[in-house]
Amino acid sequence: MKAMVTGSAGFVGRHMVAELERRGWDVDGVDVSSADGWRGLDALEVFRFHQVRYDLVVHCAARSPHRAAIDAAPSMMAYNLQLDAAMFDWAVRTHQGRVLYLSSSAVYPAGLQRQGAPWLPLEEDLAGGDQIGFPADSYGWTKLTGERMAAAAAAEGLAVHVVRPFSGYGADQGPEWPFGAFVGRAHRRDDPFVIWGDGQQVRDWIHISDLVAGALAVVVADERR
């Protein structure tokens, strides 16, 4: 079985590659920032000319998909929309086997996450669908649009799986991400210990190994139908 993982040098991507290889897959990694990636090319370039058909394409690539950039560089939205559109166009055009699209918990409406809002689990149908709420930031809009692209690609006959990860963490996570930043501040014994938010918010923290296993379980379950 042959797979492609875009963003293969990123936090989720490199764990996805490792798990697929552990399961016996032959994996091509695509990442512009790594010599280990597919010729070190930007995924946009790969989507323009690459014709190999994969059994599974896992699309993790995005420009700076971490908290620091989401807050400080919202213009990343334009590139990431272009990247997702190119991936789905390529996947349909080249008849890829299956696509696993990494969306985000950021797609959920901001109104459900504000202080004072009624507490409720963020279930799948609370984002997207016929009644689109307003995500909290541009990254959420990007991923919500990517989900719409996924639905359009599925209507063209592509087998697409969409997952919305919540707050993945792991020992090799960089300081640009909340958990990695917290670990660094703890090691430095920062006082005061700065966090995002007011300390009253509630988040799910999911270890990267569980996140990857859960995402792949969605693909496996659908294959068995």
N, C-alpha and C. Protein backbone atom coordinates (compact mmCIF):
# COMPACT_ATOMS: atom_id res chain seq x y z
N MET A 1 0.85 -1.19 0.00
CA MET A 1 0.00 0.00 0.00
C MET A 1 0.89 1.24 0.00
N LYS A 2 0.53 2.21 -0.81
CA LYS A 2 1.36 3.41 -0.98
C LYS A 2 0.58 4.66 -0.55
N ALA A 3 1.26 5.52 0.22
CA ALA A 3 0.61 6.73 0.73
C ALA A 3 1.48 7.95 0.47
N MET A 4 0.82 9.09 0.36
CA MET A 4 1.50 10.39 0.36
C MET A 4 1.03 11.16 1.58
N VAL A 5 1.97 11.79 2.28
CA VAL A 5 1.63 12.66 3.41
C VAL A 5 2.20 14.04 3.10
N THR A 6 1.33 15.04 2.95
CA THR A 6 1.79 16.41 2.77
C THR A 6 2.04 17.04 4.14
N GLY A 7 2.97 17.98 4.16
CA GLY A 7 3.35 18.55 5.46
C GLY A 7 4.04 17.50 6.32
N SER A 8 4.84 16.64 5.70
CA SER A 8 5.39 15.48 6.38
C SER A 8 6.45 15.81 7.42
N ALA A 9 6.98 17.03 7.41
CA ALA A 9 7.96 17.42 8.42
C ALA A 9 7.31 18.17 9.58
N GLY A 10 6.01 18.46 9.46
CA GLY A 10 5.31 19.16 10.53
C GLY A 10 4.96 18.25 11.69
N PHE A 11 4.40 18.81 12.73
CA PHE A 11 4.13 18.05 13.95
C PHE A 11 3.22 16.86 13.69
N VAL A 12 2.05 17.09 13.08
CA VAL A 12 1.14 15.99 12.80
C VAL A 12 1.69 15.12 11.67
N GLY A 13 2.23 15.75 10.63
CA GLY A 13 2.70 15.01 9.47
C GLY A 13 3.78 14.00 9.78
N ARG A 14 4.77 14.38 10.57
CA ARG A 14 5.85 13.43 10.83
C ARG A 14 5.39 12.24 11.69
N HIS A 15 4.41 12.48 12.57
CA HIS A 15 3.86 11.36 13.34
C HIS A 15 2.98 10.48 12.45
N MET A 16 2.29 11.10 11.50
CA MET A 16 1.48 10.33 10.56
C MET A 16 2.37 9.43 9.70
N VAL A 17 3.48 9.98 9.20
CA VAL A 17 4.41 9.18 8.40
C VAL A 17 4.94 8.00 9.21
N ALA A 18 5.36 8.27 10.45
CA ALA A 18 5.93 7.21 11.30
C ALA A 18 4.91 6.09 11.55
N GLU A 19 3.65 6.46 11.79
CA GLU A 19 2.64 5.45 12.07
C GLU A 19 2.30 4.64 10.82
N LEU A 20 2.19 5.29 9.68
CA LEU A 20 1.92 4.56 8.45
C LEU A 20 3.05 3.60 8.12
N GLU A 21 4.28 4.05 8.30
CA GLU A 21 5.42 3.17 8.03
C GLU A 21 5.45 2.01 9.02
N ARG A 22 5.09 2.28 10.26
CA ARG A 22 5.03 1.21 11.25
C ARG A 22 4.02 0.15 10.84
N ARG A 23 2.96 0.58 10.16
CA ARG A 23 1.92 -0.35 9.70
C ARG A 23 2.25 -1.01 8.37
N GLY A 24 3.43 -0.71 7.82
CA GLY A 24 3.87 -1.37 6.60
C GLY A 24 3.60 -0.62 5.31
N TRP A 25 3.18 0.65 5.41
CA TRP A 25 2.92 1.44 4.21
C TRP A 25 4.23 1.95 3.61
N ASP A 26 4.24 2.11 2.31
CA ASP A 26 5.30 2.81 1.60
C ASP A 26 4.86 4.27 1.48
N VAL A 27 5.60 5.18 2.11
CA VAL A 27 5.13 6.57 2.25
C VAL A 27 6.05 7.55 1.52
N ASP A 28 5.46 8.42 0.71
CA ASP A 28 6.14 9.58 0.14
C ASP A 28 5.77 10.80 0.98
N GLY A 29 6.78 11.44 1.58
CA GLY A 29 6.53 12.66 2.33
C GLY A 29 6.76 13.88 1.46
N VAL A 30 5.89 14.87 1.59
CA VAL A 30 6.01 16.12 0.84
C VAL A 30 6.08 17.27 1.84
N ASP A 31 7.21 17.99 1.83
CA ASP A 31 7.33 19.13 2.75
C ASP A 31 8.42 20.06 2.25
N VAL A 32 8.07 21.31 2.09
CA VAL A 32 9.01 22.29 1.53
C VAL A 32 10.18 22.56 2.47
N SER A 33 10.00 22.35 3.75
CA SER A 33 11.03 22.74 4.72
C SER A 33 12.00 21.62 5.05
N SER A 34 11.88 20.47 4.41
CA SER A 34 12.71 19.34 4.80
C SER A 34 13.36 18.68 3.60
N ALA A 35 14.65 18.38 3.75
CA ALA A 35 15.37 17.65 2.71
C ALA A 35 14.84 16.23 2.59
N ASP A 36 14.16 15.75 3.65
CA ASP A 36 13.60 14.41 3.63
C ASP A 36 12.25 14.37 2.90
N GLY A 37 11.69 15.54 2.65
CA GLY A 37 10.42 15.59 1.95
C GLY A 37 10.60 15.23 0.48
N TRP A 38 9.49 15.10 -0.23
CA TRP A 38 9.54 14.71 -1.64
C TRP A 38 10.24 15.79 -2.43
N ARG A 39 11.57 15.62 -2.64
CA ARG A 39 12.43 16.57 -3.34
C ARG A 39 12.44 17.95 -2.70
N GLY A 40 11.97 18.07 -1.48
CA GLY A 40 11.96 19.35 -0.80
C GLY A 40 11.07 20.38 -1.45
N LEU A 41 10.06 19.95 -2.18
CA LEU A 41 9.21 20.88 -2.93
C LEU A 41 8.00 21.31 -2.13
N ASP A 42 7.52 22.49 -2.44
CA ASP A 42 6.23 22.94 -1.94
C ASP A 42 5.16 22.01 -2.52
N ALA A 43 4.19 21.64 -1.69
CA ALA A 43 3.13 20.75 -2.16
C ALA A 43 2.40 21.33 -3.37
N LEU A 44 2.31 22.66 -3.47
CA LEU A 44 1.66 23.27 -4.63
C LEU A 44 2.35 22.85 -5.93
N GLU A 45 3.68 22.78 -5.91
CA GLU A 45 4.42 22.36 -7.10
C GLU A 45 4.15 20.89 -7.40
N VAL A 46 4.12 20.07 -6.36
CA VAL A 46 3.87 18.65 -6.55
C VAL A 46 2.49 18.43 -7.18
N PHE A 47 1.49 19.18 -6.71
CA PHE A 47 0.14 19.02 -7.24
C PHE A 47 0.04 19.44 -8.71
N ARG A 48 0.97 20.24 -9.18
CA ARG A 48 0.92 20.69 -10.57
C ARG A 48 1.36 19.60 -11.55
N PHE A 49 2.32 18.74 -11.13
CA PHE A 49 2.86 17.81 -12.13
C PHE A 49 2.89 16.34 -11.71
N HIS A 50 2.71 16.05 -10.43
CA HIS A 50 2.86 14.68 -9.95
C HIS A 50 1.66 13.85 -10.40
N GLN A 51 1.91 12.68 -11.00
CA GLN A 51 0.83 11.88 -11.57
C GLN A 51 0.66 10.52 -10.90
N VAL A 52 1.48 10.22 -9.89
CA VAL A 52 1.40 8.91 -9.23
C VAL A 52 0.07 8.80 -8.49
N ARG A 53 -0.56 7.64 -8.59
CA ARG A 53 -1.81 7.40 -7.86
C ARG A 53 -1.49 6.67 -6.56
N TYR A 54 -1.97 7.21 -5.45
CA TYR A 54 -1.73 6.64 -4.13
C TYR A 54 -3.00 5.97 -3.61
N ASP A 55 -2.79 4.97 -2.77
CA ASP A 55 -3.93 4.36 -2.10
C ASP A 55 -4.53 5.32 -1.07
N LEU A 56 -3.65 6.16 -0.48
CA LEU A 56 -4.10 7.12 0.54
C LEU A 56 -3.26 8.38 0.46
N VAL A 57 -3.92 9.53 0.46
CA VAL A 57 -3.25 10.83 0.55
C VAL A 57 -3.70 11.47 1.87
N VAL A 58 -2.75 11.78 2.73
CA VAL A 58 -3.05 12.45 4.00
C VAL A 58 -2.58 13.89 3.88
N HIS A 59 -3.53 14.82 3.91
CA HIS A 59 -3.20 16.23 3.67
C HIS A 59 -3.08 16.98 4.99
N CYS A 60 -1.83 17.12 5.45
CA CYS A 60 -1.54 17.85 6.68
C CYS A 60 -0.92 19.21 6.40
N ALA A 61 -0.51 19.46 5.17
CA ALA A 61 0.25 20.66 4.86
C ALA A 61 -0.56 21.93 5.05
N ALA A 62 0.06 22.92 5.65
CA ALA A 62 -0.50 24.27 5.80
C ALA A 62 0.65 25.17 6.19
N ARG A 63 0.55 26.41 5.84
CA ARG A 63 1.59 27.36 6.22
C ARG A 63 1.32 27.87 7.63
N SER A 64 2.23 27.55 8.55
CA SER A 64 2.18 28.02 9.94
C SER A 64 0.82 27.80 10.59
N PRO A 65 0.38 26.54 10.75
CA PRO A 65 -0.95 26.29 11.32
C PRO A 65 -0.93 26.22 12.85
N HIS A 66 -0.17 27.12 13.48
CA HIS A 66 -0.06 27.09 14.93
C HIS A 66 -0.60 28.38 15.53
N ARG A 67 -0.76 28.36 16.84
CA ARG A 67 -1.42 29.47 17.52
C ARG A 67 -0.73 30.80 17.29
N ALA A 68 0.61 30.81 17.30
CA ALA A 68 1.33 32.07 17.16
C ALA A 68 1.02 32.73 15.82
N ALA A 69 1.02 31.95 14.74
CA ALA A 69 0.76 32.52 13.41
C ALA A 69 -0.72 32.84 13.21
N ILE A 70 -1.59 32.02 13.77
CA ILE A 70 -3.03 32.28 13.64
C ILE A 70 -3.36 33.64 14.23
N ASP A 71 -2.74 33.97 15.36
CA ASP A 71 -2.98 35.26 16.01
C ASP A 71 -2.28 36.41 15.29
N ALA A 72 -1.04 36.16 14.80
CA ALA A 72 -0.20 37.26 14.32
C ALA A 72 -0.18 37.41 12.80
N ALA A 73 -0.54 36.37 12.06
CA ALA A 73 -0.42 36.43 10.59
C ALA A 73 -1.65 35.83 9.91
N PRO A 74 -2.80 36.47 10.04
CA PRO A 74 -4.03 35.93 9.45
C PRO A 74 -3.99 35.86 7.93
N SER A 75 -3.05 36.56 7.28
CA SER A 75 -2.97 36.52 5.82
C SER A 75 -2.55 35.15 5.30
N MET A 76 -2.11 34.26 6.19
CA MET A 76 -1.79 32.89 5.79
C MET A 76 -3.02 32.20 5.18
N MET A 77 -4.20 32.73 5.46
CA MET A 77 -5.45 32.14 4.96
C MET A 77 -5.42 31.99 3.45
N ALA A 78 -4.92 32.99 2.73
CA ALA A 78 -4.95 32.96 1.26
C ALA A 78 -4.12 31.81 0.72
N TYR A 79 -2.91 31.62 1.26
CA TYR A 79 -2.06 30.53 0.80
C TYR A 79 -2.69 29.17 1.13
N ASN A 80 -3.19 29.02 2.33
CA ASN A 80 -3.72 27.73 2.75
C ASN A 80 -4.97 27.35 1.96
N LEU A 81 -5.80 28.33 1.60
CA LEU A 81 -6.95 28.05 0.73
C LEU A 81 -6.48 27.58 -0.65
N GLN A 82 -5.46 28.24 -1.16
CA GLN A 82 -4.91 27.85 -2.46
C GLN A 82 -4.35 26.43 -2.39
N LEU A 83 -3.67 26.12 -1.31
CA LEU A 83 -3.07 24.79 -1.13
C LEU A 83 -4.14 23.71 -1.08
N ASP A 84 -5.20 23.93 -0.30
CA ASP A 84 -6.27 22.93 -0.20
C ASP A 84 -6.98 22.76 -1.54
N ALA A 85 -7.24 23.88 -2.22
CA ALA A 85 -7.92 23.79 -3.52
C ALA A 85 -7.08 23.01 -4.52
N ALA A 86 -5.77 23.26 -4.53
CA ALA A 86 -4.88 22.55 -5.46
C ALA A 86 -4.85 21.06 -5.14
N MET A 87 -4.86 20.72 -3.85
CA MET A 87 -4.82 19.31 -3.46
C MET A 87 -6.07 18.58 -3.94
N PHE A 88 -7.26 19.15 -3.69
CA PHE A 88 -8.49 18.47 -4.10
C PHE A 88 -8.61 18.40 -5.62
N ASP A 89 -8.20 19.46 -6.32
CA ASP A 89 -8.22 19.43 -7.79
C ASP A 89 -7.32 18.32 -8.30
N TRP A 90 -6.10 18.20 -7.75
CA TRP A 90 -5.16 17.16 -8.14
C TRP A 90 -5.70 15.77 -7.83
N ALA A 91 -6.28 15.62 -6.63
CA ALA A 91 -6.77 14.30 -6.22
C ALA A 91 -7.89 13.80 -7.12
N VAL A 92 -8.78 14.71 -7.51
CA VAL A 92 -9.88 14.32 -8.42
C VAL A 92 -9.33 14.05 -9.82
N ARG A 93 -8.45 14.94 -10.27
CA ARG A 93 -7.92 14.83 -11.63
C ARG A 93 -7.08 13.57 -11.84
N THR A 94 -6.34 13.15 -10.81
CA THR A 94 -5.44 12.00 -10.94
C THR A 94 -6.03 10.72 -10.34
N HIS A 95 -7.29 10.80 -9.91
CA HIS A 95 -8.01 9.63 -9.41
C HIS A 95 -7.30 8.96 -8.23
N GLN A 96 -6.99 9.77 -7.22
CA GLN A 96 -6.36 9.22 -6.02
C GLN A 96 -7.31 8.25 -5.32
N GLY A 97 -6.73 7.29 -4.59
CA GLY A 97 -7.56 6.29 -3.94
C GLY A 97 -8.44 6.85 -2.84
N ARG A 98 -7.81 7.39 -1.81
CA ARG A 98 -8.54 8.01 -0.70
C ARG A 98 -7.78 9.24 -0.23
N VAL A 99 -8.51 10.21 0.31
CA VAL A 99 -7.90 11.41 0.87
C VAL A 99 -8.37 11.56 2.31
N LEU A 100 -7.41 11.75 3.20
CA LEU A 100 -7.70 12.09 4.59
C LEU A 100 -7.36 13.56 4.78
N TYR A 101 -8.38 14.38 5.01
CA TYR A 101 -8.20 15.83 5.14
C TYR A 101 -8.20 16.22 6.60
N LEU A 102 -7.09 16.82 7.04
CA LEU A 102 -6.98 17.28 8.43
C LEU A 102 -7.60 18.66 8.53
N SER A 103 -8.81 18.72 9.03
CA SER A 103 -9.47 19.99 9.30
C SER A 103 -9.03 20.47 10.69
N SER A 104 -9.90 21.08 11.45
CA SER A 104 -9.49 21.63 12.75
C SER A 104 -10.70 21.89 13.62
N SER A 105 -10.50 21.84 14.92
CA SER A 105 -11.56 22.24 15.86
C SER A 105 -11.87 23.72 15.73
N ALA A 106 -11.02 24.47 15.02
CA ALA A 106 -11.25 25.91 14.82
C ALA A 106 -12.47 26.19 13.96
N VAL A 107 -13.04 25.17 13.31
CA VAL A 107 -14.21 25.41 12.46
C VAL A 107 -15.47 25.69 13.27
N TYR A 108 -15.48 25.35 14.55
CA TYR A 108 -16.71 25.51 15.34
C TYR A 108 -17.00 26.98 15.60
N PRO A 109 -18.29 27.35 15.61
CA PRO A 109 -18.66 28.77 15.76
C PRO A 109 -18.12 29.37 17.05
N ALA A 110 -17.61 30.59 16.94
CA ALA A 110 -17.05 31.28 18.10
C ALA A 110 -18.11 31.48 19.19
N GLY A 111 -19.37 31.64 18.77
CA GLY A 111 -20.43 31.88 19.74
C GLY A 111 -20.65 30.73 20.70
N LEU A 112 -20.23 29.52 20.29
CA LEU A 112 -20.37 28.36 21.18
C LEU A 112 -19.20 28.23 22.15
N GLN A 113 -18.20 29.08 21.99
CA GLN A 113 -16.98 28.94 22.77
C GLN A 113 -16.68 30.15 23.66
N ARG A 114 -17.55 31.16 23.60
CA ARG A 114 -17.31 32.35 24.41
C ARG A 114 -17.70 32.12 25.86
N GLN A 115 -17.05 32.87 26.74
CA GLN A 115 -17.40 32.80 28.14
C GLN A 115 -18.86 33.21 28.33
N GLY A 116 -19.59 32.42 29.07
CA GLY A 116 -21.00 32.68 29.29
C GLY A 116 -21.92 31.92 28.38
N ALA A 117 -21.36 31.33 27.30
CA ALA A 117 -22.19 30.51 26.40
C ALA A 117 -22.56 29.22 27.11
N PRO A 118 -23.75 28.66 26.81
CA PRO A 118 -24.11 27.38 27.43
C PRO A 118 -23.08 26.32 27.11
N TRP A 119 -22.68 25.55 28.12
CA TRP A 119 -21.66 24.52 27.89
C TRP A 119 -22.30 23.35 27.17
N LEU A 120 -21.64 22.89 26.10
CA LEU A 120 -22.09 21.69 25.42
C LEU A 120 -20.93 21.11 24.63
N PRO A 121 -20.92 19.79 24.46
CA PRO A 121 -19.86 19.18 23.64
C PRO A 121 -20.00 19.66 22.19
N LEU A 122 -18.86 19.90 21.55
CA LEU A 122 -18.89 20.36 20.16
C LEU A 122 -19.01 19.16 19.24
N GLU A 123 -20.25 18.80 18.93
CA GLU A 123 -20.51 17.64 18.09
C GLU A 123 -20.32 17.99 16.62
N GLU A 124 -20.21 16.94 15.82
CA GLU A 124 -19.85 17.12 14.41
C GLU A 124 -20.77 18.07 13.67
N ASP A 125 -22.08 17.98 13.89
CA ASP A 125 -23.02 18.76 13.08
C ASP A 125 -23.20 20.19 13.57
N LEU A 126 -22.42 20.62 14.55
CA LEU A 126 -22.49 22.01 15.03
C LEU A 126 -21.64 22.96 14.18
N ALA A 127 -20.91 22.41 13.22
CA ALA A 127 -20.13 23.24 12.29
C ALA A 127 -20.40 22.77 10.88
N GLY A 128 -20.44 23.72 9.94
CA GLY A 128 -20.70 23.36 8.56
C GLY A 128 -22.17 23.12 8.32
N GLY A 129 -22.48 22.28 7.34
CA GLY A 129 -23.87 22.01 7.03
C GLY A 129 -24.56 23.20 6.39
N ASP A 130 -25.88 23.25 6.54
CA ASP A 130 -26.66 24.32 5.92
C ASP A 130 -26.58 25.63 6.67
N GLN A 131 -26.31 25.57 7.99
CA GLN A 131 -26.27 26.78 8.81
C GLN A 131 -24.84 26.99 9.28
N ILE A 132 -24.09 27.80 8.57
CA ILE A 132 -22.67 28.01 8.91
C ILE A 132 -22.57 29.10 9.97
N GLY A 133 -21.98 28.73 11.12
CA GLY A 133 -21.68 29.72 12.13
C GLY A 133 -20.37 30.42 11.79
N PHE A 134 -19.96 31.34 12.64
CA PHE A 134 -18.76 32.11 12.37
C PHE A 134 -17.60 31.57 13.20
N PRO A 135 -16.62 30.91 12.55
CA PRO A 135 -15.44 30.44 13.30
C PRO A 135 -14.73 31.60 13.98
N ALA A 136 -13.90 31.26 14.95
CA ALA A 136 -13.27 32.28 15.78
C ALA A 136 -12.19 33.07 15.04
N ASP A 137 -11.60 32.51 13.98
CA ASP A 137 -10.49 33.19 13.33
C ASP A 137 -10.40 32.76 11.87
N SER A 138 -9.44 33.35 11.14
CA SER A 138 -9.31 33.06 9.72
C SER A 138 -8.90 31.62 9.46
N TYR A 139 -8.17 31.02 10.38
CA TYR A 139 -7.78 29.62 10.20
C TYR A 139 -9.02 28.73 10.22
N GLY A 140 -9.98 29.05 11.09
CA GLY A 140 -11.22 28.30 11.12
C GLY A 140 -11.99 28.42 9.82
N TRP A 141 -12.02 29.63 9.25
CA TRP A 141 -12.69 29.82 7.97
C TRP A 141 -11.99 29.01 6.88
N THR A 142 -10.65 28.99 6.92
CA THR A 142 -9.90 28.22 5.93
C THR A 142 -10.30 26.75 5.97
N LYS A 143 -10.32 26.19 7.17
CA LYS A 143 -10.62 24.77 7.31
C LYS A 143 -12.09 24.46 7.00
N LEU A 144 -12.99 25.37 7.35
CA LEU A 144 -14.40 25.16 7.02
C LEU A 144 -14.60 25.17 5.51
N THR A 145 -13.88 26.07 4.82
CA THR A 145 -13.92 26.09 3.37
C THR A 145 -13.32 24.81 2.79
N GLY A 146 -12.23 24.32 3.42
CA GLY A 146 -11.63 23.06 2.99
C GLY A 146 -12.60 21.91 3.11
N GLU A 147 -13.43 21.92 4.14
CA GLU A 147 -14.44 20.86 4.28
C GLU A 147 -15.47 20.94 3.16
N ARG A 148 -15.82 22.15 2.75
CA ARG A 148 -16.74 22.29 1.62
C ARG A 148 -16.09 21.77 0.33
N MET A 149 -14.80 22.04 0.16
CA MET A 149 -14.08 21.50 -0.99
C MET A 149 -14.08 19.97 -0.94
N ALA A 150 -13.90 19.42 0.26
CA ALA A 150 -13.91 17.97 0.42
C ALA A 150 -15.24 17.39 -0.02
N ALA A 151 -16.33 18.05 0.37
CA ALA A 151 -17.66 17.57 -0.02
C ALA A 151 -17.85 17.63 -1.53
N ALA A 152 -17.33 18.70 -2.15
CA ALA A 152 -17.44 18.81 -3.60
C ALA A 152 -16.63 17.73 -4.30
N ALA A 153 -15.43 17.42 -3.77
CA ALA A 153 -14.60 16.37 -4.34
C ALA A 153 -15.27 15.01 -4.17
N ALA A 154 -15.92 14.81 -3.02
CA ALA A 154 -16.64 13.55 -2.80
C ALA A 154 -17.79 13.39 -3.80
N ALA A 155 -18.43 14.52 -4.13
CA ALA A 155 -19.51 14.47 -5.11
C ALA A 155 -19.00 14.10 -6.50
N GLU A 156 -17.71 14.33 -6.73
CA GLU A 156 -17.07 13.94 -8.00
C GLU A 156 -16.62 12.50 -7.98
N GLY A 157 -16.81 11.81 -6.84
CA GLY A 157 -16.45 10.40 -6.76
C GLY A 157 -15.21 10.09 -5.95
N LEU A 158 -14.52 11.11 -5.40
CA LEU A 158 -13.32 10.88 -4.60
C LEU A 158 -13.72 10.41 -3.21
N ALA A 159 -13.05 9.40 -2.70
CA ALA A 159 -13.28 8.95 -1.32
C ALA A 159 -12.54 9.88 -0.37
N VAL A 160 -13.27 10.67 0.40
CA VAL A 160 -12.68 11.69 1.27
C VAL A 160 -13.10 11.44 2.71
N HIS A 161 -12.16 11.58 3.62
CA HIS A 161 -12.43 11.47 5.05
C HIS A 161 -11.96 12.78 5.70
N VAL A 162 -12.79 13.36 6.54
CA VAL A 162 -12.46 14.63 7.21
C VAL A 162 -12.45 14.42 8.71
N VAL A 163 -11.39 14.85 9.37
CA VAL A 163 -11.33 14.80 10.83
C VAL A 163 -11.00 16.20 11.34
N ARG A 164 -11.46 16.50 12.55
CA ARG A 164 -11.24 17.80 13.17
C ARG A 164 -10.45 17.62 14.47
N PRO A 165 -9.14 17.60 14.41
CA PRO A 165 -8.33 17.38 15.62
C PRO A 165 -8.51 18.51 16.65
N PHE A 166 -8.46 18.12 17.91
CA PHE A 166 -8.50 19.07 19.02
C PHE A 166 -7.15 19.04 19.75
N SER A 167 -6.46 20.14 19.78
CA SER A 167 -5.33 20.38 20.68
C SER A 167 -4.40 19.18 20.84
N GLY A 168 -3.81 18.75 19.73
CA GLY A 168 -2.83 17.68 19.82
C GLY A 168 -1.57 18.14 20.53
N TYR A 169 -0.93 17.23 21.24
CA TYR A 169 0.33 17.56 21.92
C TYR A 169 1.26 16.36 21.90
N GLY A 170 2.55 16.62 22.12
CA GLY A 170 3.54 15.56 22.18
C GLY A 170 4.88 16.14 22.60
N ALA A 171 5.79 15.24 22.93
CA ALA A 171 7.08 15.68 23.47
C ALA A 171 7.91 16.48 22.48
N ASP A 172 7.70 16.26 21.18
CA ASP A 172 8.51 16.94 20.16
C ASP A 172 7.80 18.16 19.58
N GLN A 173 6.81 18.67 20.26
CA GLN A 173 6.06 19.83 19.76
C GLN A 173 6.83 21.11 20.04
N GLY A 174 6.82 22.02 19.06
CA GLY A 174 7.57 23.27 19.18
C GLY A 174 6.88 24.31 20.04
N PRO A 175 7.59 25.37 20.38
CA PRO A 175 7.07 26.41 21.27
C PRO A 175 6.01 27.30 20.64
N GLU A 176 5.76 27.15 19.32
CA GLU A 176 4.72 27.95 18.68
C GLU A 176 3.32 27.47 19.05
N TRP A 177 3.24 26.24 19.56
CA TRP A 177 1.96 25.63 19.92
C TRP A 177 1.72 25.79 21.42
N PRO A 178 0.47 25.86 21.86
CA PRO A 178 0.21 26.09 23.29
C PRO A 178 0.91 25.11 24.22
N PHE A 179 0.77 23.82 23.97
CA PHE A 179 1.35 22.86 24.92
C PHE A 179 2.87 22.95 24.92
N GLY A 180 3.46 23.08 23.72
CA GLY A 180 4.91 23.22 23.65
C GLY A 180 5.39 24.49 24.34
N ALA A 181 4.60 25.56 24.19
CA ALA A 181 4.96 26.81 24.86
C ALA A 181 4.87 26.66 26.38
N PHE A 182 3.85 25.96 26.85
CA PHE A 182 3.70 25.76 28.30
C PHE A 182 4.86 24.96 28.87
N VAL A 183 5.29 23.93 28.13
CA VAL A 183 6.41 23.11 28.60
C VAL A 183 7.67 23.97 28.69
N GLY A 184 7.92 24.79 27.66
CA GLY A 184 9.09 25.66 27.69
C GLY A 184 9.05 26.64 28.86
N ARG A 185 7.89 27.21 29.14
CA ARG A 185 7.76 28.16 30.24
C ARG A 185 7.95 27.46 31.58
N ALA A 186 7.49 26.22 31.67
CA ALA A 186 7.69 25.46 32.92
C ALA A 186 9.17 25.18 33.13
N HIS A 187 9.89 24.79 32.08
CA HIS A 187 11.32 24.51 32.19
C HIS A 187 12.09 25.77 32.61
N ARG A 188 11.65 26.93 32.10
CA ARG A 188 12.31 28.18 32.45
C ARG A 188 11.85 28.72 33.81
N ARG A 189 10.83 28.08 34.36
CA ARG A 189 10.23 28.53 35.62
C ARG A 189 9.75 29.98 35.52
N ASP A 190 9.07 30.27 34.41
CA ASP A 190 8.54 31.62 34.21
C ASP A 190 7.59 32.00 35.33
N ASP A 191 7.72 33.22 35.80
CA ASP A 191 6.84 33.74 36.84
C ASP A 191 6.64 35.23 36.57
N PRO A 192 5.45 35.63 36.08
CA PRO A 192 4.22 34.84 36.01
C PRO A 192 4.25 33.84 34.85
N PHE A 193 3.45 32.79 35.00
CA PHE A 193 3.32 31.75 33.97
C PHE A 193 2.20 32.19 33.03
N VAL A 194 2.58 32.68 31.83
CA VAL A 194 1.62 33.27 30.90
C VAL A 194 0.91 32.17 30.11
N ILE A 195 -0.39 32.30 29.94
CA ILE A 195 -1.18 31.36 29.15
C ILE A 195 -1.97 32.14 28.11
N TRP A 196 -2.63 31.41 27.20
CA TRP A 196 -3.60 32.03 26.31
C TRP A 196 -4.96 32.01 27.01
N GLY A 197 -5.71 33.07 26.83
CA GLY A 197 -7.04 33.10 27.44
C GLY A 197 -6.98 33.59 28.88
N ASP A 198 -8.10 33.40 29.60
CA ASP A 198 -8.20 33.92 30.97
C ASP A 198 -8.07 32.82 32.02
N GLY A 199 -7.79 31.60 31.60
CA GLY A 199 -7.63 30.51 32.55
C GLY A 199 -8.91 29.78 32.88
N GLN A 200 -10.04 30.28 32.39
CA GLN A 200 -11.33 29.65 32.69
C GLN A 200 -11.80 28.71 31.57
N GLN A 201 -11.16 28.80 30.41
CA GLN A 201 -11.60 28.00 29.27
C GLN A 201 -11.24 26.51 29.48
N VAL A 202 -11.97 25.67 28.79
CA VAL A 202 -11.77 24.22 28.89
C VAL A 202 -11.38 23.70 27.51
N ARG A 203 -10.31 22.91 27.42
CA ARG A 203 -9.86 22.34 26.16
C ARG A 203 -9.63 20.85 26.31
N ASP A 204 -9.81 20.13 25.21
CA ASP A 204 -9.40 18.73 25.15
C ASP A 204 -7.95 18.69 24.69
N TRP A 205 -7.11 17.97 25.41
CA TRP A 205 -5.72 17.76 24.99
C TRP A 205 -5.58 16.30 24.60
N ILE A 206 -5.20 16.05 23.36
CA ILE A 206 -5.14 14.69 22.82
C ILE A 206 -3.70 14.41 22.38
N HIS A 207 -3.11 13.34 22.92
CA HIS A 207 -1.74 13.02 22.54
C HIS A 207 -1.67 12.71 21.05
N ILE A 208 -0.59 13.11 20.43
CA ILE A 208 -0.45 12.99 18.98
C ILE A 208 -0.60 11.54 18.51
N SER A 209 -0.17 10.58 19.31
CA SER A 209 -0.30 9.18 18.90
C SER A 209 -1.77 8.77 18.83
N ASP A 210 -2.59 9.27 19.76
CA ASP A 210 -4.02 8.99 19.73
C ASP A 210 -4.71 9.74 18.59
N LEU A 211 -4.25 10.96 18.34
CA LEU A 211 -4.83 11.75 17.26
C LEU A 211 -4.61 11.05 15.92
N VAL A 212 -3.38 10.60 15.68
CA VAL A 212 -3.06 9.92 14.42
C VAL A 212 -3.82 8.60 14.31
N ALA A 213 -3.84 7.83 15.40
CA ALA A 213 -4.55 6.55 15.37
C ALA A 213 -6.03 6.75 15.12
N GLY A 214 -6.63 7.76 15.73
CA GLY A 214 -8.05 8.03 15.53
C GLY A 214 -8.36 8.44 14.11
N ALA A 215 -7.50 9.29 13.52
CA ALA A 215 -7.71 9.73 12.15
C ALA A 215 -7.62 8.55 11.18
N LEU A 216 -6.64 7.69 11.38
CA LEU A 216 -6.50 6.53 10.50
C LEU A 216 -7.62 5.52 10.71
N ALA A 217 -8.16 5.46 11.93
CA ALA A 217 -9.28 4.55 12.20
C ALA A 217 -10.51 4.95 11.38
N VAL A 218 -10.68 6.25 11.12
CA VAL A 218 -11.80 6.71 10.29
C VAL A 218 -11.65 6.16 8.87
N VAL A 219 -10.42 6.18 8.36
CA VAL A 219 -10.18 5.65 7.01
C VAL A 219 -10.44 4.15 6.97
N VAL A 220 -9.90 3.43 7.95
CA VAL A 220 -10.05 1.97 7.99
C VAL A 220 -11.54 1.59 8.10
N ALA A 221 -12.28 2.29 8.96
CA ALA A 221 -13.69 1.97 9.14
C ALA A 221 -14.47 2.16 7.84
N ASP A 222 -14.14 3.22 7.09
CA ASP A 222 -14.85 3.48 5.85
C ASP A 222 -14.49 2.45 4.78
N GLU A 223 -13.24 1.99 4.79
CA GLU A 223 -12.81 0.99 3.82
C GLU A 223 -13.60 -0.31 3.99
N ARG A 224 -14.06 -0.57 5.21
CA ARG A 224 -14.75 -1.83 5.50
C ARG A 224 -16.22 -1.81 5.15
N ARG A 225 -16.74 -0.63 4.77
CA ARG A 225 -18.16 -0.56 4.45
C ARG A 225 -18.48 -1.27 3.13
